[in-house]
Amino acid sequence: MTRTSKPVFVAVVVAVLVLATTLGATLVLRQLRETASAQPSSSTPPPNPSTGPAQLCGQAECLKLTSVAMPQFKETVELLADAKGHFARLRVTSDRGTVIFSSQLATVDAHSITCEEGKISACLLQGPDGDDSDLIGEVFTDDAGAWRQTSIPFGSDAGYLALRDVDGDGTPDVVTTQRRCGDTPAASCTKVAAAVFQLMGDPIGCTVTYATPQQLPGWPEVAPVASKLSACPS
């Protein structure tokens, strides 16, 4: 048998080592490329976190018409509706969370809501009720941060609804104006009285009848005097 010379043996060993090193480097580079392709590019920003579903008013996303600050319990009351003022909602936000109420009023705008704070605070949401000067209103009460929607709507056929503490108990009342026309056609009747109710709908009393709305006490912000109220006619 012929012996292989030492230089030839060394050359073969070196060639094998070079080949092994080359194959190893190729495998490492392939793994690096595959890992890099599986990871998102550092130049692509991560997706924004979900903010939850949009609040809907009917079939459209709600628009904020206006908001009212209620400092007593660090609350914000927002009036929401669609672009035409339909499907109104009341959203109350505080550090305790968010409460949303649905309104039954047909149409609202940015001037439809007023709020008054007191021992029991309240918000009055009002809108047109048919034709002419008829108004209808809904009341939402805030008792130490616990909100509720009252079930009794308030109406005025003489174009005025407001919140005012008439009886001086530290809680707002609902002031309305009512026509006193009798058999006189409403179109030519200007006689009117103010009727006052507690937030839950219990009557407090009515003023005497005035010949025109301008004669109501405090007009244009009607402010009846509690001591001058009497039982409202049935």
C-alpha atoms as a PDB file:
ATOM      1  CA  MET A   1       0.000   0.000   0.000  1.00  0.00           C
ATOM      2  CA  THR A   2       1.251   3.426  -0.899  1.00  0.00           C
ATOM      3  CA  ARG A   3       1.401   5.917   2.024  1.00  0.00           C
ATOM      4  CA  THR A   4      -0.084   9.357   1.479  1.00  0.00           C
ATOM      5  CA  SER A   5       2.430  12.061   1.943  1.00  0.00           C
ATOM      6  CA  LYS A   6       1.997  14.356   4.950  1.00  0.00           C
ATOM      7  CA  PRO A   7       1.518  17.616   2.944  1.00  0.00           C
ATOM      8  CA  VAL A   8      -1.320  16.040   0.942  1.00  0.00           C
ATOM      9  CA  PHE A   9      -3.044  14.875   4.162  1.00  0.00           C
ATOM     10  CA  VAL A  10      -2.837  18.334   5.718  1.00  0.00           C
ATOM     11  CA  ALA A  11      -4.278  19.920   2.567  1.00  0.00           C
ATOM     12  CA  VAL A  12      -7.270  17.558   2.634  1.00  0.00           C
ATOM     13  CA  VAL A  13      -7.941  18.302   6.302  1.00  0.00           C
ATOM     14  CA  VAL A  14      -7.833  22.073   5.674  1.00  0.00           C
ATOM     15  CA  ALA A  15     -10.229  21.726   2.726  1.00  0.00           C
ATOM     16  CA  VAL A  16     -12.718  19.799   4.838  1.00  0.00           C
ATOM     17  CA  LEU A  17     -12.575  22.406   7.598  1.00  0.00           C
ATOM     18  CA  VAL A  18     -13.111  25.242   5.117  1.00  0.00           C
ATOM     19  CA  LEU A  19     -16.108  23.454   3.613  1.00  0.00           C
ATOM     20  CA  ALA A  20     -17.643  22.847   7.039  1.00  0.00           C
ATOM     21  CA  THR A  21     -17.145  26.469   8.032  1.00  0.00           C
ATOM     22  CA  THR A  22     -18.749  27.674   4.784  1.00  0.00           C
ATOM     23  CA  LEU A  23     -21.793  25.420   5.221  1.00  0.00           C
ATOM     24  CA  GLY A  24     -22.187  26.512   8.849  1.00  0.00           C
ATOM     25  CA  ALA A  25     -22.044  30.201   7.922  1.00  0.00           C
ATOM     26  CA  THR A  26     -24.612  29.648   5.166  1.00  0.00           C
ATOM     27  CA  LEU A  27     -27.040  27.976   7.590  1.00  0.00           C
ATOM     28  CA  VAL A  28     -26.590  30.763  10.160  1.00  0.00           C
ATOM     29  CA  LEU A  29     -27.221  33.471   7.551  1.00  0.00           C
ATOM     30  CA  ARG A  30     -30.330  31.653   6.335  1.00  0.00           C
ATOM     31  CA  GLN A  31     -31.708  31.422   9.871  1.00  0.00           C
ATOM     32  CA  LEU A  32     -31.019  35.120  10.458  1.00  0.00           C
ATOM     33  CA  ARG A  33     -32.824  36.062   7.221  1.00  0.00           C
ATOM     34  CA  GLU A  34     -35.839  33.904   8.143  1.00  0.00           C
ATOM     35  CA  THR A  35     -36.011  35.390  11.652  1.00  0.00           C
ATOM     36  CA  ALA A  36     -35.762  38.927  10.294  1.00  0.00           C
ATOM     37  CA  SER A  37     -38.532  38.332   7.747  1.00  0.00           C
ATOM     38  CA  ALA A  38     -40.841  36.977  10.497  1.00  0.00           C
ATOM     39  CA  GLN A  39     -40.439  40.107  12.655  1.00  0.00           C
ATOM     40  CA  PRO A  40     -42.158  43.437  11.793  1.00  0.00           C
ATOM     41  CA  SER A  41     -39.957  46.158  10.396  1.00  0.00           C
ATOM     42  CA  SER A  42     -38.735  48.604  13.014  1.00  0.00           C
ATOM     43  CA  SER A  43     -39.878  51.440  10.734  1.00  0.00           C
ATOM     44  CA  THR A  44     -43.534  50.277  10.882  1.00  0.00           C
ATOM     45  CA  PRO A  45     -45.373  51.790  13.884  1.00  0.00           C
ATOM     46  CA  PRO A  46     -47.373  49.403  16.066  1.00  0.00           C
ATOM     47  CA  PRO A  47     -51.168  49.523  15.652  1.00  0.00           C
ATOM     48  CA  ASN A  48     -53.058  51.949  17.837  1.00  0.00           C
ATOM     49  CA  PRO A  49     -54.802  50.372  20.817  1.00  0.00           C
ATOM     50  CA  SER A  50     -58.551  49.918  20.353  1.00  0.00           C
ATOM     51  CA  THR A  51     -60.693  52.649  21.880  1.00  0.00           C
ATOM     52  CA  GLY A  52     -63.825  50.511  21.800  1.00  0.00           C
ATOM     53  CA  PRO A  53     -66.908  50.772  19.581  1.00  0.00           C
ATOM     54  CA  ALA A  54     -68.184  54.209  18.618  1.00  0.00           C
ATOM     55  CA  GLN A  55     -71.300  55.489  20.403  1.00  0.00           C
ATOM     56  CA  LEU A  56     -74.173  55.326  17.929  1.00  0.00           C
ATOM     57  CA  CYS A  57     -77.159  57.667  17.695  1.00  0.00           C
ATOM     58  CA  GLY A  58     -79.525  55.720  15.500  1.00  0.00           C
ATOM     59  CA  GLN A  59     -77.442  54.286  12.668  1.00  0.00           C
ATOM     60  CA  ALA A  60     -74.831  57.074  12.701  1.00  0.00           C
ATOM     61  CA  GLU A  61     -71.952  57.845  15.016  1.00  0.00           C
ATOM     62  CA  CYS A  62     -72.972  60.342  17.688  1.00  0.00           C
ATOM     63  CA  LEU A  63     -71.863  63.958  17.511  1.00  0.00           C
ATOM     64  CA  LYS A  64     -71.338  66.039  20.646  1.00  0.00           C
ATOM     65  CA  LEU A  65     -73.684  69.021  20.454  1.00  0.00           C
ATOM     66  CA  THR A  66     -72.632  70.626  23.738  1.00  0.00           C
ATOM     67  CA  SER A  67     -71.404  69.845  27.248  1.00  0.00           C
ATOM     68  CA  VAL A  68     -72.145  71.194  30.729  1.00  0.00           C
ATOM     69  CA  ALA A  69     -69.721  71.084  33.678  1.00  0.00           C
ATOM     70  CA  MET A  70     -71.139  69.980  37.040  1.00  0.00           C
ATOM     71  CA  PRO A  71     -68.393  70.931  39.528  1.00  0.00           C
ATOM     72  CA  GLN A  72     -70.140  69.660  42.664  1.00  0.00           C
ATOM     73  CA  PHE A  73     -69.252  66.044  41.863  1.00  0.00           C
ATOM     74  CA  LYS A  74     -66.684  66.751  39.125  1.00  0.00           C
ATOM     75  CA  GLU A  75     -69.015  65.608  36.378  1.00  0.00           C
ATOM     76  CA  THR A  76     -69.410  66.527  32.722  1.00  0.00           C
ATOM     77  CA  VAL A  77     -72.779  66.169  31.009  1.00  0.00           C
ATOM     78  CA  GLU A  78     -72.617  65.850  27.210  1.00  0.00           C
ATOM     79  CA  LEU A  79     -75.540  66.053  24.793  1.00  0.00           C
ATOM     80  CA  LEU A  80     -75.085  63.694  21.851  1.00  0.00           C
ATOM     81  CA  ALA A  81     -77.169  63.253  18.693  1.00  0.00           C
ATOM     82  CA  ASP A  82     -76.814  62.499  15.010  1.00  0.00           C
ATOM     83  CA  ALA A  83     -76.112  65.233  12.453  1.00  0.00           C
ATOM     84  CA  LYS A  84     -79.811  66.199  12.305  1.00  0.00           C
ATOM     85  CA  GLY A  85     -80.294  66.365  16.081  1.00  0.00           C
ATOM     86  CA  HIS A  86     -82.155  63.064  16.243  1.00  0.00           C
ATOM     87  CA  PHE A  87     -81.662  60.024  18.517  1.00  0.00           C
ATOM     88  CA  ALA A  88     -80.348  62.164  21.377  1.00  0.00           C
ATOM     89  CA  ARG A  89     -78.350  60.716  24.239  1.00  0.00           C
ATOM     90  CA  LEU A  90     -77.098  62.157  27.503  1.00  0.00           C
ATOM     91  CA  ARG A  91     -73.606  61.046  28.543  1.00  0.00           C
ATOM     92  CA  VAL A  92     -72.458  61.782  32.099  1.00  0.00           C
ATOM     93  CA  THR A  93     -68.758  61.304  32.828  1.00  0.00           C
ATOM     94  CA  SER A  94     -66.973  61.494  36.177  1.00  0.00           C
ATOM     95  CA  ASP A  95     -64.152  59.749  38.022  1.00  0.00           C
ATOM     96  CA  ARG A  96     -66.716  57.040  38.892  1.00  0.00           C
ATOM     97  CA  GLY A  97     -67.217  56.162  35.232  1.00  0.00           C
ATOM     98  CA  THR A  98     -69.713  56.958  32.466  1.00  0.00           C
ATOM     99  CA  VAL A  99     -73.510  56.741  32.382  1.00  0.00           C
ATOM    100  CA  ILE A 100     -75.517  57.079  29.151  1.00  0.00           C
ATOM    101  CA  PHE A 101     -79.262  57.786  28.843  1.00  0.00           C
ATOM    102  CA  SER A 102     -81.389  57.636  25.709  1.00  0.00           C
ATOM    103  CA  SER A 103     -83.825  60.484  25.061  1.00  0.00           C
ATOM    104  CA  GLN A 104     -87.302  60.175  23.580  1.00  0.00           C
ATOM    105  CA  LEU A 105     -87.280  63.728  22.195  1.00  0.00           C
ATOM    106  CA  ALA A 106     -87.632  63.932  18.427  1.00  0.00           C
ATOM    107  CA  THR A 107     -85.125  66.745  17.857  1.00  0.00           C
ATOM    108  CA  VAL A 108     -82.540  68.578  19.966  1.00  0.00           C
ATOM    109  CA  ASP A 109     -79.797  71.137  19.408  1.00  0.00           C
ATOM    110  CA  ALA A 110     -76.929  72.674  21.368  1.00  0.00           C
ATOM    111  CA  HIS A 111     -79.357  74.900  23.325  1.00  0.00           C
ATOM    112  CA  SER A 112     -81.699  72.098  24.392  1.00  0.00           C
ATOM    113  CA  ILE A 113     -80.032  71.281  27.717  1.00  0.00           C
ATOM    114  CA  THR A 114     -79.742  73.221  30.964  1.00  0.00           C
ATOM    115  CA  CYS A 115     -78.435  71.963  34.301  1.00  0.00           C
ATOM    116  CA  GLU A 116     -78.712  73.297  37.852  1.00  0.00           C
ATOM    117  CA  GLU A 117     -76.832  72.045  40.908  1.00  0.00           C
ATOM    118  CA  GLY A 118     -78.359  71.701  44.368  1.00  0.00           C
ATOM    119  CA  LYS A 119     -79.038  69.184  47.123  1.00  0.00           C
ATOM    120  CA  ILE A 120     -80.330  67.146  44.217  1.00  0.00           C
ATOM    121  CA  SER A 121     -78.994  68.490  40.931  1.00  0.00           C
ATOM    122  CA  ALA A 122     -80.835  68.155  37.643  1.00  0.00           C
ATOM    123  CA  CYS A 123     -80.561  68.568  33.905  1.00  0.00           C
ATOM    124  CA  LEU A 124     -83.530  69.478  31.728  1.00  0.00           C
ATOM    125  CA  LEU A 125     -83.498  68.371  28.104  1.00  0.00           C
ATOM    126  CA  GLN A 126     -86.178  70.011  25.980  1.00  0.00           C
ATOM    127  CA  GLY A 127     -87.296  70.149  22.383  1.00  0.00           C
ATOM    128  CA  PRO A 128     -90.261  70.976  20.151  1.00  0.00           C
ATOM    129  CA  ASP A 129     -93.427  68.973  20.621  1.00  0.00           C
ATOM    130  CA  GLY A 130     -95.303  69.217  17.355  1.00  0.00           C
ATOM    131  CA  ASP A 131     -96.103  72.620  15.898  1.00  0.00           C
ATOM    132  CA  ASP A 132     -96.264  76.195  17.157  1.00  0.00           C
ATOM    133  CA  SER A 133     -94.676  76.868  20.558  1.00  0.00           C
ATOM    134  CA  ASP A 134     -95.290  73.512  22.235  1.00  0.00           C
ATOM    135  CA  LEU A 135     -92.305  72.147  24.151  1.00  0.00           C
ATOM    136  CA  ILE A 136     -91.640  68.824  25.827  1.00  0.00           C
ATOM    137  CA  GLY A 137     -88.918  68.190  28.383  1.00  0.00           C
ATOM    138  CA  GLU A 138     -87.163  65.310  30.108  1.00  0.00           C
ATOM    139  CA  VAL A 139     -85.495  65.600  33.514  1.00  0.00           C
ATOM    140  CA  PHE A 140     -82.362  63.770  34.679  1.00  0.00           C
ATOM    141  CA  THR A 141     -81.539  63.959  38.385  1.00  0.00           C
ATOM    142  CA  ASP A 142     -78.186  63.718  40.153  1.00  0.00           C
ATOM    143  CA  ASP A 143     -78.433  62.666  43.795  1.00  0.00           C
ATOM    144  CA  ALA A 144     -74.876  62.730  45.209  1.00  0.00           C
ATOM    145  CA  GLY A 145     -73.470  61.401  41.932  1.00  0.00           C
ATOM    146  CA  ALA A 146     -76.202  58.797  41.342  1.00  0.00           C
ATOM    147  CA  TRP A 147     -77.984  59.717  38.106  1.00  0.00           C
ATOM    148  CA  ARG A 148     -81.471  58.663  37.035  1.00  0.00           C
ATOM    149  CA  GLN A 149     -83.918  59.585  34.311  1.00  0.00           C
ATOM    150  CA  THR A 150     -87.388  60.549  35.533  1.00  0.00           C
ATOM    151  CA  SER A 151     -90.276  58.816  33.838  1.00  0.00           C
ATOM    152  CA  ILE A 152     -92.652  61.810  33.610  1.00  0.00           C
ATOM    153  CA  PRO A 153     -92.182  64.249  30.722  1.00  0.00           C
ATOM    154  CA  PHE A 154     -92.930  67.940  31.259  1.00  0.00           C
ATOM    155  CA  GLY A 155     -94.798  70.003  28.694  1.00  0.00           C
ATOM    156  CA  SER A 156     -95.488  73.617  27.853  1.00  0.00           C
ATOM    157  CA  ASP A 157     -97.960  74.832  25.264  1.00  0.00           C
ATOM    158  CA  ALA A 158     -96.724  78.417  25.692  1.00  0.00           C
ATOM    159  CA  GLY A 159     -93.064  77.945  24.814  1.00  0.00           C
ATOM    160  CA  TYR A 160     -91.217  77.925  28.145  1.00  0.00           C
ATOM    161  CA  LEU A 161     -89.499  75.235  30.246  1.00  0.00           C
ATOM    162  CA  ALA A 162     -86.748  75.904  32.785  1.00  0.00           C
ATOM    163  CA  LEU A 163     -85.111  74.738  36.013  1.00  0.00           C
ATOM    164  CA  ARG A 164     -85.350  77.071  39.027  1.00  0.00           C
ATOM    165  CA  ASP A 165     -85.497  76.596  42.793  1.00  0.00           C
ATOM    166  CA  VAL A 166     -88.885  78.185  43.379  1.00  0.00           C
ATOM    167  CA  ASP A 167     -89.749  76.819  46.838  1.00  0.00           C
ATOM    168  CA  GLY A 168     -86.281  77.483  48.316  1.00  0.00           C
ATOM    169  CA  ASP A 169     -85.488  73.914  49.378  1.00  0.00           C
ATOM    170  CA  GLY A 170     -82.080  73.845  47.669  1.00  0.00           C
ATOM    171  CA  THR A 171     -83.292  71.631  44.812  1.00  0.00           C
ATOM    172  CA  PRO A 172     -84.273  72.949  41.375  1.00  0.00           C
ATOM    173  CA  ASP A 173     -87.903  72.775  40.302  1.00  0.00           C
ATOM    174  CA  VAL A 174     -89.397  72.665  36.806  1.00  0.00           C
ATOM    175  CA  VAL A 175     -91.079  75.881  35.659  1.00  0.00           C
ATOM    176  CA  THR A 176     -93.460  75.697  32.707  1.00  0.00           C
ATOM    177  CA  THR A 177     -95.867  78.104  31.038  1.00  0.00           C
ATOM    178  CA  GLN A 178     -99.404  77.078  30.146  1.00  0.00           C
ATOM    179  CA  ARG A 179    -102.041  78.782  28.053  1.00  0.00           C
ATOM    180  CA  ARG A 180    -105.264  79.702  29.820  1.00  0.00           C
ATOM    181  CA  CYS A 181    -107.540  80.087  26.836  1.00  0.00           C
ATOM    182  CA  GLY A 182    -110.801  78.435  27.822  1.00  0.00           C
ATOM    183  CA  ASP A 183    -113.016  78.495  24.762  1.00  0.00           C
ATOM    184  CA  THR A 184    -110.906  81.128  23.012  1.00  0.00           C
ATOM    185  CA  PRO A 185    -109.122  79.724  19.932  1.00  0.00           C
ATOM    186  CA  ALA A 186    -105.460  79.136  20.758  1.00  0.00           C
ATOM    187  CA  ALA A 187    -104.297  81.069  17.688  1.00  0.00           C
ATOM    188  CA  SER A 188    -105.668  84.330  19.117  1.00  0.00           C
ATOM    189  CA  CYS A 189    -105.109  83.571  22.812  1.00  0.00           C
ATOM    190  CA  THR A 190    -102.279  85.223  24.756  1.00  0.00           C
ATOM    191  CA  LYS A 191    -103.424  84.456  28.304  1.00  0.00           C
ATOM    192  CA  VAL A 192    -100.853  82.412  30.186  1.00  0.00           C
ATOM    193  CA  ALA A 193     -99.857  81.157  33.638  1.00  0.00           C
ATOM    194  CA  ALA A 194     -96.716  79.588  35.069  1.00  0.00           C
ATOM    195  CA  ALA A 195     -96.947  76.104  36.569  1.00  0.00           C
ATOM    196  CA  VAL A 196     -94.244  74.772  38.899  1.00  0.00           C
ATOM    197  CA  PHE A 197     -93.434  71.109  39.540  1.00  0.00           C
ATOM    198  CA  GLN A 198     -90.976  69.142  41.614  1.00  0.00           C
ATOM    199  CA  LEU A 199     -88.404  67.102  39.695  1.00  0.00           C
ATOM    200  CA  MET A 200     -90.452  63.910  39.997  1.00  0.00           C
ATOM    201  CA  GLY A 201     -93.561  65.609  38.611  1.00  0.00           C
ATOM    202  CA  ASP A 202     -95.494  66.518  41.762  1.00  0.00           C
ATOM    203  CA  PRO A 203     -97.163  69.935  41.331  1.00  0.00           C
ATOM    204  CA  ILE A 204     -96.057  72.782  43.582  1.00  0.00           C
ATOM    205  CA  GLY A 205     -98.544  75.346  42.281  1.00  0.00           C
ATOM    206  CA  CYS A 206     -99.515  77.813  39.585  1.00  0.00           C
ATOM    207  CA  THR A 207     -99.507  81.570  39.237  1.00  0.00           C
ATOM    208  CA  VAL A 208    -102.563  83.606  38.410  1.00  0.00           C
ATOM    209  CA  THR A 209    -103.388  84.041  34.743  1.00  0.00           C
ATOM    210  CA  TYR A 210    -101.694  86.944  32.959  1.00  0.00           C
ATOM    211  CA  ALA A 211    -102.887  88.641  29.797  1.00  0.00           C
ATOM    212  CA  THR A 212     -99.561  88.142  28.011  1.00  0.00           C
ATOM    213  CA  PRO A 213     -96.380  86.129  28.672  1.00  0.00           C
ATOM    214  CA  GLN A 214     -94.443  89.365  29.150  1.00  0.00           C
ATOM    215  CA  GLN A 215     -96.381  89.988  32.369  1.00  0.00           C
ATOM    216  CA  LEU A 216     -95.166  86.756  33.988  1.00  0.00           C
ATOM    217  CA  PRO A 217     -92.924  87.424  37.040  1.00  0.00           C
ATOM    218  CA  GLY A 218     -89.275  87.694  36.032  1.00  0.00           C
ATOM    219  CA  TRP A 219     -89.944  87.528  32.280  1.00  0.00           C
ATOM    220  CA  PRO A 220     -88.117  86.493  30.088  1.00  0.00           C
ATOM    221  CA  GLU A 221     -86.676  84.195  32.816  1.00  0.00           C
ATOM    222  CA  VAL A 222     -89.893  83.238  34.526  1.00  0.00           C
ATOM    223  CA  ALA A 223     -89.398  83.262  38.311  1.00  0.00           C
ATOM    224  CA  PRO A 224     -92.642  82.618  40.207  1.00  0.00           C
ATOM    225  CA  VAL A 225     -92.818  83.522  43.887  1.00  0.00           C
ATOM    226  CA  ALA A 226     -93.630  80.443  45.971  1.00  0.00           C
ATOM    227  CA  SER A 227     -95.905  82.321  48.400  1.00  0.00           C
ATOM    228  CA  LYS A 228     -98.063  83.531  45.497  1.00  0.00           C
ATOM    229  CA  LEU A 229     -98.677  80.113  43.971  1.00  0.00           C
ATOM    230  CA  SER A 230    -102.017  78.387  44.310  1.00  0.00           C
ATOM    231  CA  ALA A 231    -103.379  75.006  43.300  1.00  0.00           C
ATOM    232  CA  CYS A 232    -103.276  74.427  39.571  1.00  0.00           C
ATOM    233  CA  PRO A 233    -106.594  73.903  37.777  1.00  0.00           C
ATOM    234  CA  SER A 234    -107.342  70.304  36.888  1.00  0.00           C
END
